[in-house]
Amino acid sequence: MRTIVGHGSDELGIAGAFQRSPIEIVKAKTVDTYSIANSEIVIEGYYEPHSQNVWESDEAEKLKQQTVVPFFPEWEGYLGRSWIVRKLQVTAITYRKVKPIFHTAMARGFEYAGYDLLREAGFIEMADRIAPGIVVDVFVPISMQWGGGVIFQVRKSRAQDEGFQRNILAAALANAPGMRLAVAVDEDVDIYNADDVMWAIESRVDPDNDILRLPRGQRGIAAQPMEVRQRGVGGWEGGVAFDATKPFNEAWKFERGPYPSDQVDLKKWLTEEQISAVRAQQSEYARTCAKRGW
């Protein structure tokens, strides 16, 4: 996200800070730039002028149509389509001398979720710029990976905080191109559990007032089929946000029904093996509810 890594930022410096040691670089072999010294494989080259654009597949070139011919699975879960793109002229491929590992993360792979840590940090930083301290946690589920969506956990400490969650939701939709879904919930909702988030949407969203949209015609991401479909009327259709937080002045009406699960000692009646066997049969949501007494 450009929220925390603005244009011109020292991205290698940021990466070095994360790993707590500098990123070593080395002069490239065939182009006037540097590459990461400890890379497994380095592809050197340059982009040709736009006049030298090429098709991503032979089939698409024969058809002379973009977004029709299948290409590869995209991050949002749909089959990507071939485009005409700028040509990358490769001038060299270099690699480590000792057993280089060829690996690239799949666009729809579950390992992609790890990359969303930076994105989550970006959303927290964005929220703090709007209203410091309102957002206490952020999660990008694998189903909403990369630019698909985000869930904010919000803490309202006073009546004046009411409404900031909507500013943050609107900013999230506007800040991340192609953002399809943004959700705000309260601290009593487990943002890492999809069932609990859906429960909050079902029980705390007023359809007339708590569903936010951005207008059509903004720029999204071409990998989203909906954006391609809407291009004839101006592009991306705007995304949607749910304010599933309790109204501050009526929060008492939304107190979750508690059960004293912390006061029940199952070991008085069951063995460890029996308890483990029962818990193994529970759904993730059942375990969450049992742990918190909901």
C-alpha atoms as a PDB file:
ATOM      1  CA  MET A   1       0.000   0.000   0.000  1.00  0.00           C
ATOM      2  CA  ARG A   2       1.246   3.442  -0.885  1.00  0.00           C
ATOM      3  CA  THR A   3      -0.149   4.660   2.430  1.00  0.00           C
ATOM      4  CA  ILE A   4       3.035   3.641   4.237  1.00  0.00           C
ATOM      5  CA  VAL A   5       5.365   3.040   1.295  1.00  0.00           C
ATOM      6  CA  GLY A   6       4.993   6.211  -0.715  1.00  0.00           C
ATOM      7  CA  HIS A   7       6.426   6.817  -4.159  1.00  0.00           C
ATOM      8  CA  GLY A   8      10.212   7.179  -3.926  1.00  0.00           C
ATOM      9  CA  SER A   9      10.457   5.339  -0.613  1.00  0.00           C
ATOM     10  CA  ASP A  10      13.515   3.226   0.147  1.00  0.00           C
ATOM     11  CA  GLU A  11      11.797  -0.138  -0.173  1.00  0.00           C
ATOM     12  CA  LEU A  12      15.019  -2.092   0.342  1.00  0.00           C
ATOM     13  CA  GLY A  13      15.615  -0.088   3.497  1.00  0.00           C
ATOM     14  CA  ILE A  14      12.154  -1.019   4.746  1.00  0.00           C
ATOM     15  CA  ALA A  15      12.792  -4.686   3.908  1.00  0.00           C
ATOM     16  CA  GLY A  16      16.114  -4.515   5.747  1.00  0.00           C
ATOM     17  CA  ALA A  17      14.386  -3.071   8.805  1.00  0.00           C
ATOM     18  CA  PHE A  18      11.961  -5.996   8.823  1.00  0.00           C
ATOM     19  CA  GLN A  19      14.754  -8.561   8.737  1.00  0.00           C
ATOM     20  CA  ARG A  20      16.959  -6.457  11.062  1.00  0.00           C
ATOM     21  CA  SER A  21      19.919  -6.474   8.705  1.00  0.00           C
ATOM     22  CA  PRO A  22      20.782  -4.535   5.534  1.00  0.00           C
ATOM     23  CA  ILE A  23      19.752  -5.850   2.124  1.00  0.00           C
ATOM     24  CA  GLU A  24      22.977  -6.391   0.192  1.00  0.00           C
ATOM     25  CA  ILE A  25      22.985  -5.271  -3.449  1.00  0.00           C
ATOM     26  CA  VAL A  26      25.313  -5.880  -6.381  1.00  0.00           C
ATOM     27  CA  LYS A  27      25.769  -4.300  -9.813  1.00  0.00           C
ATOM     28  CA  ALA A  28      23.753  -6.002 -12.519  1.00  0.00           C
ATOM     29  CA  LYS A  29      25.584  -7.771 -15.347  1.00  0.00           C
ATOM     30  CA  THR A  30      23.894  -6.255 -18.396  1.00  0.00           C
ATOM     31  CA  VAL A  31      21.867  -3.201 -17.355  1.00  0.00           C
ATOM     32  CA  ASP A  32      22.818  -0.034 -15.501  1.00  0.00           C
ATOM     33  CA  THR A  33      21.181  -0.815 -12.175  1.00  0.00           C
ATOM     34  CA  TYR A  34      21.554  -2.974  -9.074  1.00  0.00           C
ATOM     35  CA  SER A  35      20.010  -6.245  -7.997  1.00  0.00           C
ATOM     36  CA  ILE A  36      19.694  -7.983  -4.635  1.00  0.00           C
ATOM     37  CA  ALA A  37      22.971  -9.806  -4.051  1.00  0.00           C
ATOM     38  CA  ASN A  38      21.486 -12.848  -2.341  1.00  0.00           C
ATOM     39  CA  SER A  39      18.679 -13.401  -4.839  1.00  0.00           C
ATOM     40  CA  GLU A  40      18.123 -16.958  -5.958  1.00  0.00           C
ATOM     41  CA  ILE A  41      17.499 -15.857  -9.560  1.00  0.00           C
ATOM     42  CA  VAL A  42      17.735 -12.401 -11.182  1.00  0.00           C
ATOM     43  CA  ILE A  43      16.090 -11.528 -14.501  1.00  0.00           C
ATOM     44  CA  GLU A  44      17.736  -8.489 -16.082  1.00  0.00           C
ATOM     45  CA  GLY A  45      16.222  -6.481 -18.888  1.00  0.00           C
ATOM     46  CA  TYR A  46      14.268  -3.404 -19.870  1.00  0.00           C
ATOM     47  CA  TYR A  47      10.824  -2.412 -21.066  1.00  0.00           C
ATOM     48  CA  GLU A  48      10.397  -1.548 -24.704  1.00  0.00           C
ATOM     49  CA  PRO A  49       8.425   1.594 -25.650  1.00  0.00           C
ATOM     50  CA  HIS A  50       4.644   1.238 -25.696  1.00  0.00           C
ATOM     51  CA  SER A  51       4.832   0.965 -29.476  1.00  0.00           C
ATOM     52  CA  GLN A  52       6.427  -2.456 -28.956  1.00  0.00           C
ATOM     53  CA  ASN A  53       3.553  -3.876 -26.898  1.00  0.00           C
ATOM     54  CA  VAL A  54       3.035  -7.627 -27.190  1.00  0.00           C
ATOM     55  CA  TRP A  55       0.210 -10.078 -26.524  1.00  0.00           C
ATOM     56  CA  GLU A  56       0.441 -12.322 -23.478  1.00  0.00           C
ATOM     57  CA  SER A  57      -0.558 -15.384 -25.504  1.00  0.00           C
ATOM     58  CA  ASP A  58      -0.557 -16.493 -29.135  1.00  0.00           C
ATOM     59  CA  GLU A  59      -4.279 -17.268 -28.949  1.00  0.00           C
ATOM     60  CA  ALA A  60      -5.111 -13.735 -27.847  1.00  0.00           C
ATOM     61  CA  GLU A  61      -2.939 -12.290 -30.617  1.00  0.00           C
ATOM     62  CA  LYS A  62      -4.797 -14.345 -33.216  1.00  0.00           C
ATOM     63  CA  LEU A  63      -8.139 -13.235 -31.814  1.00  0.00           C
ATOM     64  CA  LYS A  64      -6.973  -9.608 -31.378  1.00  0.00           C
ATOM     65  CA  GLN A  65      -9.101  -9.241 -28.242  1.00  0.00           C
ATOM     66  CA  GLN A  66      -8.114  -8.592 -24.636  1.00  0.00           C
ATOM     67  CA  THR A  67      -9.745 -10.144 -21.520  1.00  0.00           C
ATOM     68  CA  VAL A  68     -11.126 -13.121 -23.479  1.00  0.00           C
ATOM     69  CA  VAL A  69      -8.478 -15.848 -23.882  1.00  0.00           C
ATOM     70  CA  PRO A  70      -7.568 -17.735 -20.628  1.00  0.00           C
ATOM     71  CA  PHE A  71      -4.089 -17.023 -19.237  1.00  0.00           C
ATOM     72  CA  PHE A  72      -3.478 -18.048 -15.574  1.00  0.00           C
ATOM     73  CA  PRO A  73      -5.302 -18.097 -12.200  1.00  0.00           C
ATOM     74  CA  GLU A  74      -5.410 -14.617 -10.670  1.00  0.00           C
ATOM     75  CA  TRP A  75      -5.167 -13.596  -7.005  1.00  0.00           C
ATOM     76  CA  GLU A  76      -8.894 -12.831  -6.720  1.00  0.00           C
ATOM     77  CA  GLY A  77      -9.800 -16.446  -7.520  1.00  0.00           C
ATOM     78  CA  TYR A  78     -10.867 -16.101 -11.135  1.00  0.00           C
ATOM     79  CA  LEU A  79      -9.132 -17.312 -14.271  1.00  0.00           C
ATOM     80  CA  GLY A  80      -7.033 -14.455 -15.619  1.00  0.00           C
ATOM     81  CA  ARG A  81      -7.360 -13.395 -19.243  1.00  0.00           C
ATOM     82  CA  SER A  82      -4.737 -12.410 -21.787  1.00  0.00           C
ATOM     83  CA  TRP A  83      -3.896  -8.758 -22.410  1.00  0.00           C
ATOM     84  CA  ILE A  84      -1.619  -6.788 -24.684  1.00  0.00           C
ATOM     85  CA  VAL A  85       1.197  -5.454 -22.493  1.00  0.00           C
ATOM     86  CA  ARG A  86       4.568  -3.724 -22.628  1.00  0.00           C
ATOM     87  CA  LYS A  87       7.345  -5.971 -23.871  1.00  0.00           C
ATOM     88  CA  LEU A  88      10.080  -6.907 -21.409  1.00  0.00           C
ATOM     89  CA  GLN A  89      13.305  -7.472 -23.292  1.00  0.00           C
ATOM     90  CA  VAL A  90      15.379  -9.871 -21.173  1.00  0.00           C
ATOM     91  CA  THR A  91      19.125  -9.310 -21.403  1.00  0.00           C
ATOM     92  CA  ALA A  92      20.396 -11.829 -18.837  1.00  0.00           C
ATOM     93  CA  ILE A  93      19.341 -14.386 -16.248  1.00  0.00           C
ATOM     94  CA  THR A  94      21.752 -14.805 -13.350  1.00  0.00           C
ATOM     95  CA  TYR A  95      21.507 -16.946 -10.241  1.00  0.00           C
ATOM     96  CA  ARG A  96      23.308 -18.114  -7.140  1.00  0.00           C
ATOM     97  CA  LYS A  97      26.156 -20.526  -7.781  1.00  0.00           C
ATOM     98  CA  VAL A  98      25.113 -22.921  -5.014  1.00  0.00           C
ATOM     99  CA  LYS A  99      21.796 -24.671  -5.593  1.00  0.00           C
ATOM    100  CA  PRO A 100      19.523 -21.747  -6.502  1.00  0.00           C
ATOM    101  CA  ILE A 101      15.909 -22.304  -5.526  1.00  0.00           C
ATOM    102  CA  PHE A 102      13.325 -21.520  -8.180  1.00  0.00           C
ATOM    103  CA  HIS A 103      10.198 -20.418  -6.386  1.00  0.00           C
ATOM    104  CA  THR A 104       7.486 -17.859  -6.954  1.00  0.00           C
ATOM    105  CA  ALA A 105       4.349 -17.436  -4.899  1.00  0.00           C
ATOM    106  CA  MET A 106       1.168 -18.473  -6.684  1.00  0.00           C
ATOM    107  CA  ALA A 107      -1.242 -15.599  -7.161  1.00  0.00           C
ATOM    108  CA  ARG A 108      -4.002 -17.595  -5.451  1.00  0.00           C
ATOM    109  CA  GLY A 109      -1.686 -19.492  -3.107  1.00  0.00           C
ATOM    110  CA  PHE A 110      -2.296 -19.507   0.634  1.00  0.00           C
ATOM    111  CA  GLU A 111       1.264 -18.308   1.200  1.00  0.00           C
ATOM    112  CA  TYR A 112       0.052 -15.024  -0.265  1.00  0.00           C
ATOM    113  CA  ALA A 113      -1.677 -14.352   3.055  1.00  0.00           C
ATOM    114  CA  GLY A 114       1.702 -13.588   4.599  1.00  0.00           C
ATOM    115  CA  TYR A 115       2.165 -10.664   2.234  1.00  0.00           C
ATOM    116  CA  ASP A 116      -1.024  -9.117   3.571  1.00  0.00           C
ATOM    117  CA  LEU A 117       0.743  -8.320   6.845  1.00  0.00           C
ATOM    118  CA  LEU A 118       2.141  -5.189   5.211  1.00  0.00           C
ATOM    119  CA  ARG A 119      -1.264  -4.391   3.798  1.00  0.00           C
ATOM    120  CA  GLU A 120      -2.857  -4.716   7.233  1.00  0.00           C
ATOM    121  CA  ALA A 121      -0.200  -2.416   8.657  1.00  0.00           C
ATOM    122  CA  GLY A 122      -0.984   0.054   5.896  1.00  0.00           C
ATOM    123  CA  PHE A 123      -4.670   0.085   6.773  1.00  0.00           C
ATOM    124  CA  ILE A 124      -3.905   0.641  10.467  1.00  0.00           C
ATOM    125  CA  GLU A 125      -1.629   3.545   9.555  1.00  0.00           C
ATOM    126  CA  MET A 126      -4.311   4.975   7.263  1.00  0.00           C
ATOM    127  CA  ALA A 127      -6.932   4.692  10.023  1.00  0.00           C
ATOM    128  CA  ASP A 128      -4.639   6.406  12.539  1.00  0.00           C
ATOM    129  CA  ARG A 129      -4.256   9.348  10.196  1.00  0.00           C
ATOM    130  CA  ILE A 130      -8.026   9.741  10.111  1.00  0.00           C
ATOM    131  CA  ALA A 131      -8.799   9.047  13.783  1.00  0.00           C
ATOM    132  CA  PRO A 132      -5.906   7.963  16.025  1.00  0.00           C
ATOM    133  CA  GLY A 133      -6.693   4.970  18.216  1.00  0.00           C
ATOM    134  CA  ILE A 134     -10.117   4.172  16.775  1.00  0.00           C
ATOM    135  CA  VAL A 135      -8.956   1.051  14.917  1.00  0.00           C
ATOM    136  CA  VAL A 136      -7.342  -1.501  17.249  1.00  0.00           C
ATOM    137  CA  ASP A 137      -6.799  -4.342  14.775  1.00  0.00           C
ATOM    138  CA  VAL A 138      -7.044  -5.122  11.068  1.00  0.00           C
ATOM    139  CA  PHE A 139      -7.326  -8.419   9.218  1.00  0.00           C
ATOM    140  CA  VAL A 140      -7.206  -9.289   5.524  1.00  0.00           C
ATOM    141  CA  PRO A 141      -8.646 -12.841   5.251  1.00  0.00           C
ATOM    142  CA  ILE A 142      -7.325 -15.173   2.576  1.00  0.00           C
ATOM    143  CA  SER A 143     -10.700 -14.855   0.827  1.00  0.00           C
ATOM    144  CA  MET A 144     -10.105 -11.101   0.480  1.00  0.00           C
ATOM    145  CA  GLN A 145      -6.374 -11.307  -0.203  1.00  0.00           C
ATOM    146  CA  TRP A 146      -4.386  -8.418  -1.624  1.00  0.00           C
ATOM    147  CA  GLY A 147      -6.896  -5.875  -2.935  1.00  0.00           C
ATOM    148  CA  GLY A 148     -10.105  -7.763  -2.293  1.00  0.00           C
ATOM    149  CA  GLY A 149     -11.179  -6.534   1.118  1.00  0.00           C
ATOM    150  CA  VAL A 150     -10.364  -5.711   4.723  1.00  0.00           C
ATOM    151  CA  ILE A 151     -11.930  -6.020   8.189  1.00  0.00           C
ATOM    152  CA  PHE A 152     -11.424  -3.296  10.812  1.00  0.00           C
ATOM    153  CA  GLN A 153     -11.875  -3.842  14.541  1.00  0.00           C
ATOM    154  CA  VAL A 154     -13.031  -0.557  16.058  1.00  0.00           C
ATOM    155  CA  ARG A 155     -13.061   0.875  19.564  1.00  0.00           C
ATOM    156  CA  LYS A 156     -15.396   3.809  20.226  1.00  0.00           C
ATOM    157  CA  SER A 157     -14.499   5.451  23.525  1.00  0.00           C
ATOM    158  CA  ARG A 158     -16.933   8.365  23.460  1.00  0.00           C
ATOM    159  CA  ALA A 159     -19.946   9.621  21.538  1.00  0.00           C
ATOM    160  CA  GLN A 160     -17.752  11.922  19.433  1.00  0.00           C
ATOM    161  CA  ASP A 161     -16.057   8.835  17.969  1.00  0.00           C
ATOM    162  CA  GLU A 162     -19.274   7.799  16.248  1.00  0.00           C
ATOM    163  CA  GLY A 163     -18.899   8.145  12.498  1.00  0.00           C
ATOM    164  CA  PHE A 164     -15.126   7.867  12.298  1.00  0.00           C
ATOM    165  CA  GLN A 165     -15.517   4.199  11.394  1.00  0.00           C
ATOM    166  CA  ARG A 166     -17.401   5.271   8.268  1.00  0.00           C
ATOM    167  CA  ASN A 167     -14.698   7.734   7.290  1.00  0.00           C
ATOM    168  CA  ILE A 168     -12.204   4.881   7.584  1.00  0.00           C
ATOM    169  CA  LEU A 169     -14.350   2.508   5.546  1.00  0.00           C
ATOM    170  CA  ALA A 170     -14.784   5.082   2.782  1.00  0.00           C
ATOM    171  CA  ALA A 171     -11.046   5.814   2.792  1.00  0.00           C
ATOM    172  CA  ALA A 172     -10.257   2.097   2.507  1.00  0.00           C
ATOM    173  CA  LEU A 173     -12.455   1.739  -0.565  1.00  0.00           C
ATOM    174  CA  ALA A 174     -10.947   4.849  -2.138  1.00  0.00           C
ATOM    175  CA  ASN A 175      -7.331   4.212  -1.128  1.00  0.00           C
ATOM    176  CA  ALA A 176      -6.927   0.685  -2.507  1.00  0.00           C
ATOM    177  CA  PRO A 177      -7.735   0.335  -6.239  1.00  0.00           C
ATOM    178  CA  GLY A 178     -10.119  -2.524  -6.840  1.00  0.00           C
ATOM    179  CA  MET A 179     -11.146  -2.829  -3.171  1.00  0.00           C
ATOM    180  CA  ARG A 180     -14.400  -4.757  -3.193  1.00  0.00           C
ATOM    181  CA  LEU A 181     -15.359  -5.031   0.461  1.00  0.00           C
ATOM    182  CA  ALA A 182     -14.582  -3.243   3.728  1.00  0.00           C
ATOM    183  CA  VAL A 183     -16.152  -4.138   7.075  1.00  0.00           C
ATOM    184  CA  ALA A 184     -15.998  -2.439  10.492  1.00  0.00           C
ATOM    185  CA  VAL A 185     -16.901  -4.371  13.653  1.00  0.00           C
ATOM    186  CA  ASP A 186     -16.613  -3.824  17.409  1.00  0.00           C
ATOM    187  CA  GLU A 187     -14.066  -5.206  19.853  1.00  0.00           C
ATOM    188  CA  ASP A 188     -16.403  -7.995  20.945  1.00  0.00           C
ATOM    189  CA  VAL A 189     -16.252  -9.482  17.447  1.00  0.00           C
ATOM    190  CA  ASP A 190     -13.440 -11.846  16.468  1.00  0.00           C
ATOM    191  CA  ILE A 191     -12.181 -10.422  13.153  1.00  0.00           C
ATOM    192  CA  TYR A 192     -10.194 -13.624  12.546  1.00  0.00           C
ATOM    193  CA  ASN A 193     -13.366 -15.700  12.498  1.00  0.00           C
ATOM    194  CA  ALA A 194     -15.543 -15.329   9.400  1.00  0.00           C
ATOM    195  CA  ASP A 195     -18.651 -16.626  11.183  1.00  0.00           C
ATOM    196  CA  ASP A 196     -18.380 -14.005  13.899  1.00  0.00           C
ATOM    197  CA  VAL A 197     -17.907 -11.242  11.330  1.00  0.00           C
ATOM    198  CA  MET A 198     -20.942 -12.486   9.396  1.00  0.00           C
ATOM    199  CA  TRP A 199     -22.915 -12.550  12.662  1.00  0.00           C
ATOM    200  CA  ALA A 200     -22.024  -8.893  13.236  1.00  0.00           C
ATOM    201  CA  ILE A 201     -23.090  -7.960   9.696  1.00  0.00           C
ATOM    202  CA  GLU A 202     -26.341  -9.881  10.090  1.00  0.00           C
ATOM    203  CA  SER A 203     -27.228  -8.415  13.484  1.00  0.00           C
ATOM    204  CA  ARG A 204     -25.707  -4.897  13.499  1.00  0.00           C
ATOM    205  CA  VAL A 205     -26.109  -3.551   9.978  1.00  0.00           C
ATOM    206  CA  ASP A 206     -29.061  -1.312   9.170  1.00  0.00           C
ATOM    207  CA  PRO A 207     -29.589  -1.868   5.420  1.00  0.00           C
ATOM    208  CA  ASP A 208     -30.826   1.699   4.988  1.00  0.00           C
ATOM    209  CA  ASN A 209     -27.985   3.453   6.794  1.00  0.00           C
ATOM    210  CA  ASP A 210     -25.005   1.161   7.372  1.00  0.00           C
ATOM    211  CA  ILE A 211     -24.141   0.041   3.837  1.00  0.00           C
ATOM    212  CA  LEU A 212     -21.710   2.437   2.149  1.00  0.00           C
ATOM    213  CA  ARG A 213     -20.797   2.671  -1.519  1.00  0.00           C
ATOM    214  CA  LEU A 214     -18.460   4.744  -3.605  1.00  0.00           C
ATOM    215  CA  PRO A 215     -19.757   6.098  -6.906  1.00  0.00           C
ATOM    216  CA  ARG A 216     -19.116   4.298 -10.179  1.00  0.00           C
ATOM    217  CA  GLY A 217     -16.438   5.305 -12.631  1.00  0.00           C
ATOM    218  CA  GLN A 218     -13.354   5.110 -10.422  1.00  0.00           C
ATOM    219  CA  ARG A 219     -10.242   3.121 -11.271  1.00  0.00           C
ATOM    220  CA  GLY A 220     -10.036  -0.440 -10.058  1.00  0.00           C
ATOM    221  CA  ILE A 221      -8.007  -3.520 -11.008  1.00  0.00           C
ATOM    222  CA  ALA A 222      -8.393  -5.192 -14.374  1.00  0.00           C
ATOM    223  CA  ALA A 223      -8.091  -8.688 -12.868  1.00  0.00           C
ATOM    224  CA  GLN A 224     -11.575  -8.254 -11.363  1.00  0.00           C
ATOM    225  CA  PRO A 225     -14.244  -9.494 -13.814  1.00  0.00           C
ATOM    226  CA  MET A 226     -16.708  -6.947 -12.443  1.00  0.00           C
ATOM    227  CA  GLU A 227     -14.450  -4.078 -13.436  1.00  0.00           C
ATOM    228  CA  VAL A 228     -14.118  -5.427 -16.960  1.00  0.00           C
ATOM    229  CA  ARG A 229     -17.891  -5.864 -17.153  1.00  0.00           C
ATOM    230  CA  GLN A 230     -18.462  -2.288 -16.004  1.00  0.00           C
ATOM    231  CA  ARG A 231     -15.889  -0.708 -18.283  1.00  0.00           C
ATOM    232  CA  GLY A 232     -18.554   0.323 -20.767  1.00  0.00           C
ATOM    233  CA  VAL A 233     -20.112   2.602 -18.123  1.00  0.00           C
ATOM    234  CA  GLY A 234     -16.919   4.034 -16.707  1.00  0.00           C
ATOM    235  CA  GLY A 235     -14.979   1.207 -15.046  1.00  0.00           C
ATOM    236  CA  TRP A 236     -15.069  -0.052 -11.477  1.00  0.00           C
ATOM    237  CA  GLU A 237     -18.483  -0.161  -9.826  1.00  0.00           C
ATOM    238  CA  GLY A 238     -17.200   1.233  -6.545  1.00  0.00           C
ATOM    239  CA  GLY A 239     -17.141  -1.552  -3.968  1.00  0.00           C
ATOM    240  CA  VAL A 240     -19.217  -1.775  -0.793  1.00  0.00           C
ATOM    241  CA  ALA A 241     -18.631  -1.325   2.935  1.00  0.00           C
ATOM    242  CA  PHE A 242     -20.579  -2.524   5.972  1.00  0.00           C
ATOM    243  CA  ASP A 243     -20.623  -0.554   9.195  1.00  0.00           C
ATOM    244  CA  ALA A 244     -21.344  -3.462  11.555  1.00  0.00           C
ATOM    245  CA  THR A 245     -20.534  -1.522  14.709  1.00  0.00           C
ATOM    246  CA  LYS A 246     -22.890  -0.761  17.593  1.00  0.00           C
ATOM    247  CA  PRO A 247     -24.285   2.797  17.785  1.00  0.00           C
ATOM    248  CA  PHE A 248     -22.334   4.275  20.697  1.00  0.00           C
ATOM    249  CA  ASN A 249     -25.324   5.776  22.502  1.00  0.00           C
ATOM    250  CA  GLU A 250     -27.268   2.509  22.267  1.00  0.00           C
ATOM    251  CA  ALA A 251     -24.402   0.061  22.703  1.00  0.00           C
ATOM    252  CA  TRP A 252     -26.058  -1.407  25.825  1.00  0.00           C
ATOM    253  CA  LYS A 253     -28.751  -2.933  23.612  1.00  0.00           C
ATOM    254  CA  PHE A 254     -26.115  -5.000  21.809  1.00  0.00           C
ATOM    255  CA  GLU A 255     -24.530  -6.734  24.808  1.00  0.00           C
ATOM    256  CA  ARG A 256     -23.707 -10.300  23.830  1.00  0.00           C
ATOM    257  CA  GLY A 257     -25.373 -13.020  25.854  1.00  0.00           C
ATOM    258  CA  PRO A 258     -22.620 -14.470  28.089  1.00  0.00           C
ATOM    259  CA  TYR A 259     -22.269 -18.030  29.338  1.00  0.00           C
ATOM    260  CA  PRO A 260     -19.969 -18.807  32.313  1.00  0.00           C
ATOM    261  CA  SER A 261     -17.772 -21.182  30.318  1.00  0.00           C
ATOM    262  CA  ASP A 262     -14.726 -20.107  32.303  1.00  0.00           C
ATOM    263  CA  GLN A 263     -16.344 -21.430  35.477  1.00  0.00           C
ATOM    264  CA  VAL A 264     -16.976 -24.926  34.135  1.00  0.00           C
ATOM    265  CA  ASP A 265     -14.261 -27.493  34.860  1.00  0.00           C
ATOM    266  CA  LEU A 266     -14.865 -30.331  32.414  1.00  0.00           C
ATOM    267  CA  LYS A 267     -12.150 -32.408  34.080  1.00  0.00           C
ATOM    268  CA  LYS A 268     -14.541 -33.124  36.950  1.00  0.00           C
ATOM    269  CA  TRP A 269     -16.601 -35.325  34.652  1.00  0.00           C
ATOM    270  CA  LEU A 270     -14.441 -36.131  31.625  1.00  0.00           C
ATOM    271  CA  THR A 271     -10.913 -37.312  30.948  1.00  0.00           C
ATOM    272  CA  GLU A 272      -8.415 -35.274  28.917  1.00  0.00           C
ATOM    273  CA  GLU A 273      -8.854 -37.709  26.020  1.00  0.00           C
ATOM    274  CA  GLN A 274     -12.638 -37.304  26.065  1.00  0.00           C
ATOM    275  CA  ILE A 275     -12.378 -33.508  26.195  1.00  0.00           C
ATOM    276  CA  SER A 276      -9.914 -33.491  23.285  1.00  0.00           C
ATOM    277  CA  ALA A 277     -12.164 -35.808  21.267  1.00  0.00           C
ATOM    278  CA  VAL A 278     -15.167 -33.499  21.706  1.00  0.00           C
ATOM    279  CA  ARG A 279     -13.176 -30.372  20.879  1.00  0.00           C
ATOM    280  CA  ALA A 280     -11.839 -32.039  17.733  1.00  0.00           C
ATOM    281  CA  GLN A 281     -15.441 -32.344  16.533  1.00  0.00           C
ATOM    282  CA  GLN A 282     -16.218 -28.674  17.153  1.00  0.00           C
ATOM    283  CA  SER A 283     -16.211 -26.141  14.344  1.00  0.00           C
ATOM    284  CA  GLU A 284     -13.817 -23.210  14.548  1.00  0.00           C
ATOM    285  CA  TYR A 285     -16.724 -20.939  15.439  1.00  0.00           C
ATOM    286  CA  ALA A 286     -17.888 -23.283  18.214  1.00  0.00           C
ATOM    287  CA  ARG A 287     -14.406 -23.223  19.735  1.00  0.00           C
ATOM    288  CA  THR A 288     -14.335 -19.436  19.528  1.00  0.00           C
ATOM    289  CA  CYS A 289     -17.712 -19.129  21.252  1.00  0.00           C
ATOM    290  CA  ALA A 290     -16.764 -21.646  23.928  1.00  0.00           C
ATOM    291  CA  LYS A 291     -13.522 -19.849  24.656  1.00  0.00           C
ATOM    292  CA  ARG A 292     -15.187 -16.463  25.049  1.00  0.00           C
ATOM    293  CA  GLY A 293     -18.439 -17.633  26.639  1.00  0.00           C
ATOM    294  CA  TRP A 294     -20.760 -16.491  23.859  1.00  0.00           C
END
